[in-house]
Amino acid sequence: KDHPVITAAFSSDSSLVITGSSEGNAKIWTVGTGDCLQTLLHRGRVSCVTFSPDDEMVITVSSDLVAKLWRTSDGTCLHELS
């Protein structure tokens, strides 16, 4: 079953893109190769994603009213707000 992308955002240099889907995850992709670098998990559909100004972190927000702060380089969840 396909899970559509709901939201997407590019890094400041446009080398990465983060997508959020109805499947309950966000993915960080390399634009040049299309490789998925990280899969970031939520319990609800991911409706909002963005990079920090320095691209070191991303924030994701899901339909379960949880926002998560992640390290871009390794996908570690640094903080969760609910």
PDB file of N, CA and C in Angstrom:
ATOM      1  N   LYS A   1       0.843  -1.180   0.000  1.00  0.00           N
ATOM      2  CA  LYS A   1       0.000   0.000   0.000  1.00  0.00           C
ATOM      3  C   LYS A   1       0.889   1.244   0.000  1.00  0.00           C
ATOM      4  N   ASP A   2       0.562   2.187  -0.862  1.00  0.00           N
ATOM      5  CA  ASP A   2       1.298   3.443  -0.919  1.00  0.00           C
ATOM      6  C   ASP A   2       0.824   4.383   0.178  1.00  0.00           C
ATOM      7  N   HIS A   3       1.766   5.110   0.750  1.00  0.00           N
ATOM      8  CA  HIS A   3       1.454   6.113   1.765  1.00  0.00           C
ATOM      9  C   HIS A   3       1.942   7.452   1.231  1.00  0.00           C
ATOM     10  N   PRO A   4       1.013   8.332   0.896  1.00  0.00           N
ATOM     11  CA  PRO A   4       1.425   9.577   0.243  1.00  0.00           C
ATOM     12  C   PRO A   4       2.231  10.506   1.152  1.00  0.00           C
ATOM     13  N   VAL A   5       3.095  11.257   0.503  1.00  0.00           N
ATOM     14  CA  VAL A   5       3.837  12.319   1.190  1.00  0.00           C
ATOM     15  C   VAL A   5       2.853  13.455   1.450  1.00  0.00           C
ATOM     16  N   ILE A   6       2.832  13.920   2.694  1.00  0.00           N
ATOM     17  CA  ILE A   6       1.934  14.999   3.094  1.00  0.00           C
ATOM     18  C   ILE A   6       2.650  16.338   3.105  1.00  0.00           C
ATOM     19  N   THR A   7       3.929  16.305   3.449  1.00  0.00           N
ATOM     20  CA  THR A   7       4.700  17.537   3.610  1.00  0.00           C
ATOM     21  C   THR A   7       6.162  17.277   3.262  1.00  0.00           C
ATOM     22  N   ALA A   8       6.864  18.331   2.880  1.00  0.00           N
ATOM     23  CA  ALA A   8       8.288  18.205   2.543  1.00  0.00           C
ATOM     24  C   ALA A   8       8.975  19.551   2.748  1.00  0.00           C
ATOM     25  N   ALA A   9      10.288  19.496   2.996  1.00  0.00           N
ATOM     26  CA  ALA A   9      11.090  20.715   3.145  1.00  0.00           C
ATOM     27  C   ALA A   9      12.524  20.418   2.722  1.00  0.00           C
ATOM     28  N   PHE A  10      13.167  21.404   2.117  1.00  0.00           N
ATOM     29  CA  PHE A  10      14.559  21.284   1.712  1.00  0.00           C
ATOM     30  C   PHE A  10      15.477  21.881   2.769  1.00  0.00           C
ATOM     31  N   SER A  11      16.695  21.335   2.854  1.00  0.00           N
ATOM     32  CA  SER A  11      17.732  21.923   3.688  1.00  0.00           C
ATOM     33  C   SER A  11      18.138  23.267   3.080  1.00  0.00           C
ATOM     34  N   SER A  12      18.878  24.066   3.840  1.00  0.00           N
ATOM     35  CA  SER A  12      19.234  25.413   3.375  1.00  0.00           C
ATOM     36  C   SER A  12      20.060  25.407   2.091  1.00  0.00           C
ATOM     37  N   ASP A  13      20.867  24.367   1.873  1.00  0.00           N
ATOM     38  CA  ASP A  13      21.663  24.284   0.642  1.00  0.00           C
ATOM     39  C   ASP A  13      21.016  23.399  -0.424  1.00  0.00           C
ATOM     40  N   SER A  14      19.801  22.927  -0.137  1.00  0.00           N
ATOM     41  CA  SER A  14      19.011  22.088  -1.057  1.00  0.00           C
ATOM     42  C   SER A  14      19.647  20.742  -1.366  1.00  0.00           C
ATOM     43  N   SER A  15      20.592  20.291  -0.537  1.00  0.00           N
ATOM     44  CA  SER A  15      21.206  18.981  -0.773  1.00  0.00           C
ATOM     45  C   SER A  15      20.402  17.853  -0.132  1.00  0.00           C
ATOM     46  N   LEU A  16      19.548  18.193   0.834  1.00  0.00           N
ATOM     47  CA  LEU A  16      18.703  17.208   1.522  1.00  0.00           C
ATOM     48  C   LEU A  16      17.251  17.652   1.443  1.00  0.00           C
ATOM     49  N   VAL A  17      16.366  16.679   1.499  1.00  0.00           N
ATOM     50  CA  VAL A  17      14.938  16.967   1.614  1.00  0.00           C
ATOM     51  C   VAL A  17      14.377  16.040   2.678  1.00  0.00           C
ATOM     52  N   ILE A  18      13.462  16.558   3.488  1.00  0.00           N
ATOM     53  CA  ILE A  18      12.759  15.730   4.465  1.00  0.00           C
ATOM     54  C   ILE A  18      11.300  15.662   4.043  1.00  0.00           C
ATOM     55  N   THR A  19      10.740  14.451   4.100  1.00  0.00           N
ATOM     56  CA  THR A  19       9.339  14.250   3.745  1.00  0.00           C
ATOM     57  C   THR A  19       8.601  13.649   4.929  1.00  0.00           C
ATOM     58  N   GLY A  20       7.329  13.983   5.056  1.00  0.00           N
ATOM     59  CA  GLY A  20       6.465  13.390   6.075  1.00  0.00           C
ATOM     60  C   GLY A  20       5.315  12.699   5.387  1.00  0.00           C
ATOM     61  N   SER A  21       4.912  11.533   5.891  1.00  0.00           N
ATOM     62  CA  SER A  21       3.889  10.750   5.211  1.00  0.00           C
ATOM     63  C   SER A  21       2.754  10.338   6.149  1.00  0.00           C
ATOM     64  N   SER A  22       1.689   9.840   5.534  1.00  0.00           N
ATOM     65  CA  SER A  22       0.547   9.328   6.286  1.00  0.00           C
ATOM     66  C   SER A  22       0.872   7.998   6.959  1.00  0.00           C
ATOM     67  N   GLU A  23       2.003   7.419   6.618  1.00  0.00           N
ATOM     68  CA  GLU A  23       2.430   6.137   7.190  1.00  0.00           C
ATOM     69  C   GLU A  23       2.932   6.287   8.627  1.00  0.00           C
ATOM     70  N   GLY A  24       3.183   7.526   9.063  1.00  0.00           N
ATOM     71  CA  GLY A  24       3.681   7.747  10.415  1.00  0.00           C
ATOM     72  C   GLY A  24       5.187   7.849  10.491  1.00  0.00           C
ATOM     73  N   ASN A  25       5.804   8.261   9.398  1.00  0.00           N
ATOM     74  CA  ASN A  25       7.253   8.471   9.450  1.00  0.00           C
ATOM     75  C   ASN A  25       7.651   9.679   8.626  1.00  0.00           C
ATOM     76  N   ALA A  26       8.841  10.163   8.923  1.00  0.00           N
ATOM     77  CA  ALA A  26       9.486  11.187   8.110  1.00  0.00           C
ATOM     78  C   ALA A  26      10.779  10.569   7.605  1.00  0.00           C
ATOM     79  N   LYS A  27      11.190  10.975   6.428  1.00  0.00           N
ATOM     80  CA  LYS A  27      12.430  10.448   5.853  1.00  0.00           C
ATOM     81  C   LYS A  27      13.287  11.604   5.364  1.00  0.00           C
ATOM     82  N   ILE A  28      14.587  11.477   5.609  1.00  0.00           N
ATOM     83  CA  ILE A  28      15.557  12.443   5.115  1.00  0.00           C
ATOM     84  C   ILE A  28      16.256  11.806   3.918  1.00  0.00           C
ATOM     85  N   TRP A  29      16.230  12.509   2.794  1.00  0.00           N
ATOM     86  CA  TRP A  29      16.740  12.010   1.522  1.00  0.00           C
ATOM     87  C   TRP A  29      17.881  12.899   1.021  1.00  0.00           C
ATOM     88  N   THR A  30      18.822  12.289   0.314  1.00  0.00           N
ATOM     89  CA  THR A  30      19.831  13.038  -0.424  1.00  0.00           C
ATOM     90  C   THR A  30      19.241  13.392  -1.781  1.00  0.00           C
ATOM     91  N   VAL A  31      19.209  14.667  -2.102  1.00  0.00           N
ATOM     92  CA  VAL A  31      18.581  15.112  -3.342  1.00  0.00           C
ATOM     93  C   VAL A  31      19.316  14.568  -4.572  1.00  0.00           C
ATOM     94  N   GLY A  32      20.632  14.605  -4.566  1.00  0.00           N
ATOM     95  CA  GLY A  32      21.406  14.202  -5.733  1.00  0.00           C
ATOM     96  C   GLY A  32      21.276  12.738  -6.109  1.00  0.00           C
ATOM     97  N   THR A  33      21.155  11.862  -5.104  1.00  0.00           N
ATOM     98  CA  THR A  33      21.127  10.421  -5.370  1.00  0.00           C
ATOM     99  C   THR A  33      19.769   9.768  -5.106  1.00  0.00           C
ATOM    100  N   GLY A  34      18.929  10.444  -4.319  1.00  0.00           N
ATOM    101  CA  GLY A  34      17.641   9.844  -3.948  1.00  0.00           C
ATOM    102  C   GLY A  34      17.753   8.827  -2.831  1.00  0.00           C
ATOM    103  N   ASP A  35      18.935   8.722  -2.212  1.00  0.00           N
ATOM    104  CA  ASP A  35      19.131   7.777  -1.109  1.00  0.00           C
ATOM    105  C   ASP A  35      18.423   8.265   0.147  1.00  0.00           C
ATOM    106  N   CYS A  36      17.768   7.341   0.859  1.00  0.00           N
ATOM    107  CA  CYS A  36      17.152   7.647   2.144  1.00  0.00           C
ATOM    108  C   CYS A  36      18.229   7.522   3.221  1.00  0.00           C
ATOM    109  N   LEU A  37      18.508   8.632   3.920  1.00  0.00           N
ATOM    110  CA  LEU A  37      19.549   8.644   4.948  1.00  0.00           C
ATOM    111  C   LEU A  37      19.005   8.249   6.320  1.00  0.00           C
ATOM    112  N   GLN A  38      17.800   8.706   6.638  1.00  0.00           N
ATOM    113  CA  GLN A  38      17.210   8.446   7.954  1.00  0.00           C
ATOM    114  C   GLN A  38      15.711   8.226   7.796  1.00  0.00           C
ATOM    115  N   THR A  39      15.166   7.343   8.626  1.00  0.00           N
ATOM    116  CA  THR A  39      13.724   7.187   8.772  1.00  0.00           C
ATOM    117  C   THR A  39      13.391   7.505  10.222  1.00  0.00           C
ATOM    118  N   LEU A  40      12.522   8.481  10.417  1.00  0.00           N
ATOM    119  CA  LEU A  40      12.172   9.003  11.737  1.00  0.00           C
ATOM    120  C   LEU A  40      10.729   8.615  12.038  1.00  0.00           C
ATOM    121  N   LEU A  41      10.507   7.899  13.125  1.00  0.00           N
ATOM    122  CA  LEU A  41       9.195   7.292  13.383  1.00  0.00           C
ATOM    123  C   LEU A  41       8.314   8.108  14.320  1.00  0.00           C
ATOM    124  N   HIS A  42       7.027   8.130  13.980  1.00  0.00           N
ATOM    125  CA  HIS A  42       5.962   8.710  14.795  1.00  0.00           C
ATOM    126  C   HIS A  42       4.845   7.677  14.911  1.00  0.00           C
ATOM    127  N   ARG A  43       3.883   7.943  15.805  1.00  0.00           N
ATOM    128  CA  ARG A  43       2.712   7.068  15.938  1.00  0.00           C
ATOM    129  C   ARG A  43       1.539   7.525  15.078  1.00  0.00           C
ATOM    130  N   GLY A  44       1.580   8.759  14.611  1.00  0.00           N
ATOM    131  CA  GLY A  44       0.536   9.295  13.740  1.00  0.00           C
ATOM    132  C   GLY A  44       1.142   9.811  12.457  1.00  0.00           C
ATOM    133  N   ARG A  45       0.271  10.196  11.515  1.00  0.00           N
ATOM    134  CA  ARG A  45       0.783  10.715  10.237  1.00  0.00           C
ATOM    135  C   ARG A  45       1.585  11.987  10.485  1.00  0.00           C
ATOM    136  N   VAL A  46       2.650  12.154   9.754  1.00  0.00           N
ATOM    137  CA  VAL A  46       3.545  13.304   9.916  1.00  0.00           C
ATOM    138  C   VAL A  46       3.053  14.421   8.999  1.00  0.00           C
ATOM    139  N   SER A  47       2.621  15.515   9.621  1.00  0.00           N
ATOM    140  CA  SER A  47       1.967  16.582   8.871  1.00  0.00           C
ATOM    141  C   SER A  47       2.819  17.830   8.694  1.00  0.00           C
ATOM    142  N   CYS A  48       3.958  17.918   9.385  1.00  0.00           N
ATOM    143  CA  CYS A  48       4.810  19.102   9.265  1.00  0.00           C
ATOM    144  C   CYS A  48       6.265  18.699   9.507  1.00  0.00           C
ATOM    145  N   VAL A  49       7.159  19.189   8.670  1.00  0.00           N
ATOM    146  CA  VAL A  49       8.601  18.912   8.806  1.00  0.00           C
ATOM    147  C   VAL A  49       9.374  20.176   8.452  1.00  0.00           C
ATOM    148  N   THR A  50      10.529  20.370   9.092  1.00  0.00           N
ATOM    149  CA  THR A  50      11.395  21.486   8.723  1.00  0.00           C
ATOM    150  C   THR A  50      12.805  21.251   9.248  1.00  0.00           C
ATOM    151  N   PHE A  51      13.769  21.838   8.578  1.00  0.00           N
ATOM    152  CA  PHE A  51      15.164  21.819   9.020  1.00  0.00           C
ATOM    153  C   PHE A  51      15.432  23.030   9.903  1.00  0.00           C
ATOM    154  N   SER A  52      16.377  22.887  10.833  1.00  0.00           N
ATOM    155  CA  SER A  52      16.876  24.039  11.574  1.00  0.00           C
ATOM    156  C   SER A  52      17.684  24.913  10.609  1.00  0.00           C
ATOM    157  N   PRO A  53      17.916  26.187  10.944  1.00  0.00           N
ATOM    158  CA  PRO A  53      18.670  27.064  10.034  1.00  0.00           C
ATOM    159  C   PRO A  53      20.057  26.540   9.649  1.00  0.00           C
ATOM    160  N   ASP A  54      20.709  25.782  10.548  1.00  0.00           N
ATOM    161  CA  ASP A  54      22.036  25.234  10.241  1.00  0.00           C
ATOM    162  C   ASP A  54      21.971  23.806   9.689  1.00  0.00           C
ATOM    163  N   ASP A  55      20.774  23.284   9.505  1.00  0.00           N
ATOM    164  CA  ASP A  55      20.525  21.930   8.962  1.00  0.00           C
ATOM    165  C   ASP A  55      21.011  20.805   9.868  1.00  0.00           C
ATOM    166  N   GLU A  56      21.437  21.110  11.075  1.00  0.00           N
ATOM    167  CA  GLU A  56      21.922  20.085  12.004  1.00  0.00           C
ATOM    168  C   GLU A  56      20.785  19.284  12.633  1.00  0.00           C
ATOM    169  N   MET A  57      19.570  19.864  12.645  1.00  0.00           N
ATOM    170  CA  MET A  57      18.414  19.210  13.257  1.00  0.00           C
ATOM    171  C   MET A  57      17.194  19.384  12.363  1.00  0.00           C
ATOM    172  N   VAL A  58      16.220  18.516  12.590  1.00  0.00           N
ATOM    173  CA  VAL A  58      14.912  18.653  11.944  1.00  0.00           C
ATOM    174  C   VAL A  58      13.841  18.539  13.023  1.00  0.00           C
ATOM    175  N   ILE A  59      12.711  19.156  12.761  1.00  0.00           N
ATOM    176  CA  ILE A  59      11.537  19.012  13.629  1.00  0.00           C
ATOM    177  C   ILE A  59      10.447  18.358  12.805  1.00  0.00           C
ATOM    178  N   THR A  60       9.755  17.397  13.434  1.00  0.00           N
ATOM    179  CA  THR A  60       8.613  16.742  12.810  1.00  0.00           C
ATOM    180  C   THR A  60       7.424  16.865  13.757  1.00  0.00           C
ATOM    181  N   VAL A  61       6.236  16.989  13.185  1.00  0.00           N
ATOM    182  CA  VAL A  61       5.003  17.075  13.969  1.00  0.00           C
ATOM    183  C   VAL A  61       4.024  16.079  13.379  1.00  0.00           C
ATOM    184  N   SER A  62       3.349  15.334  14.265  1.00  0.00           N
ATOM    185  CA  SER A  62       2.428  14.308  13.778  1.00  0.00           C
ATOM    186  C   SER A  62       1.010  14.539  14.288  1.00  0.00           C
ATOM    187  N   SER A  63       0.086  13.793  13.709  1.00  0.00           N
ATOM    188  CA  SER A  63      -1.333  13.938  14.038  1.00  0.00           C
ATOM    189  C   SER A  63      -1.657  13.485  15.458  1.00  0.00           C
ATOM    190  N   ASP A  64      -0.730  12.805  16.127  1.00  0.00           N
ATOM    191  CA  ASP A  64      -0.949  12.423  17.530  1.00  0.00           C
ATOM    192  C   ASP A  64      -0.538  13.553  18.476  1.00  0.00           C
ATOM    193  N   LEU A  65      -0.310  14.754  17.895  1.00  0.00           N
ATOM    194  CA  LEU A  65       0.021  15.974  18.647  1.00  0.00           C
ATOM    195  C   LEU A  65       1.366  15.880  19.355  1.00  0.00           C
ATOM    196  N   VAL A  66       2.302  15.195  18.719  1.00  0.00           N
ATOM    197  CA  VAL A  66       3.665  15.070  19.227  1.00  0.00           C
ATOM    198  C   VAL A  66       4.613  15.741  18.236  1.00  0.00           C
ATOM    199  N   ALA A  67       5.484  16.593  18.761  1.00  0.00           N
ATOM    200  CA  ALA A  67       6.556  17.192  17.966  1.00  0.00           C
ATOM    201  C   ALA A  67       7.870  16.591  18.443  1.00  0.00           C
ATOM    202  N   LYS A  68       8.743  16.278  17.501  1.00  0.00           N
ATOM    203  CA  LYS A  68      10.035  15.679  17.845  1.00  0.00           C
ATOM    204  C   LYS A  68      11.161  16.460  17.183  1.00  0.00           C
ATOM    205  N   LEU A  69      12.245  16.612  17.932  1.00  0.00           N
ATOM    206  CA  LEU A  69      13.472  17.233  17.447  1.00  0.00           C
ATOM    207  C   LEU A  69      14.492  16.127  17.225  1.00  0.00           C
ATOM    208  N   TRP A  70      15.048  16.057  16.025  1.00  0.00           N
ATOM    209  CA  TRP A  70      15.961  14.978  15.634  1.00  0.00           C
ATOM    210  C   TRP A  70      17.286  15.554  15.186  1.00  0.00           C
ATOM    211  N   ARG A  71      18.359  14.784  15.404  1.00  0.00           N
ATOM    212  CA  ARG A  71      19.664  15.116  14.831  1.00  0.00           C
ATOM    213  C   ARG A  71      19.670  14.616  13.386  1.00  0.00           C
ATOM    214  N   THR A  72      19.963  15.491  12.456  1.00  0.00           N
ATOM    215  CA  THR A  72      19.926  15.145  11.035  1.00  0.00           C
ATOM    216  C   THR A  72      20.929  14.048  10.682  1.00  0.00           C
ATOM    217  N   SER A  73      22.124  14.117  11.231  1.00  0.00           N
ATOM    218  CA  SER A  73      23.210  13.221  10.807  1.00  0.00           C
ATOM    219  C   SER A  73      22.978  11.757  11.136  1.00  0.00           C
ATOM    220  N   ASP A  74      22.314  11.470  12.263  1.00  0.00           N
ATOM    221  CA  ASP A  74      22.154  10.059  12.646  1.00  0.00           C
ATOM    222  C   ASP A  74      20.725   9.664  13.023  1.00  0.00           C
ATOM    223  N   GLY A  75      19.776  10.593  12.948  1.00  0.00           N
ATOM    224  CA  GLY A  75      18.372  10.262  13.222  1.00  0.00           C
ATOM    225  C   GLY A  75      18.032  10.076  14.697  1.00  0.00           C
ATOM    226  N   THR A  76      18.911  10.526  15.595  1.00  0.00           N
ATOM    227  CA  THR A  76      18.645  10.424  17.027  1.00  0.00           C
ATOM    228  C   THR A  76      17.564  11.424  17.423  1.00  0.00           C
ATOM    229  N   CYS A  77      16.549  10.950  18.169  1.00  0.00           N
ATOM    230  CA  CYS A  77      15.524  11.849  18.695  1.00  0.00           C
ATOM    231  C   CYS A  77      16.108  12.546  19.917  1.00  0.00           C
ATOM    232  N   LEU A  78      16.234  13.863  19.840  1.00  0.00           N
ATOM    233  CA  LEU A  78      16.843  14.647  20.901  1.00  0.00           C
ATOM    234  C   LEU A  78      15.830  15.132  21.930  1.00  0.00           C
ATOM    235  N   HIS A  79      14.583  15.345  21.472  1.00  0.00           N
ATOM    236  CA  HIS A  79      13.563  15.864  22.383  1.00  0.00           C
ATOM    237  C   HIS A  79      12.190  15.565  21.804  1.00  0.00           C
ATOM    238  N   GLU A  80      11.228  15.311  22.686  1.00  0.00           N
ATOM    239  CA  GLU A  80       9.850  15.063  22.282  1.00  0.00           C
ATOM    240  C   GLU A  80       8.924  15.965  23.085  1.00  0.00           C
ATOM    241  N   LEU A  81       8.031  16.647  22.396  1.00  0.00           N
ATOM    242  CA  LEU A  81       7.057  17.527  23.033  1.00  0.00           C
ATOM    243  C   LEU A  81       5.658  16.979  22.748  1.00  0.00           C
ATOM    244  N   SER A  82       4.861  16.834  23.806  1.00  0.00           N
ATOM    245  CA  SER A  82       3.505  16.339  23.593  1.00  0.00           C
ATOM    246  C   SER A  82       2.526  17.082  24.474  1.00  0.00           C
TER     247      SER A  82
END
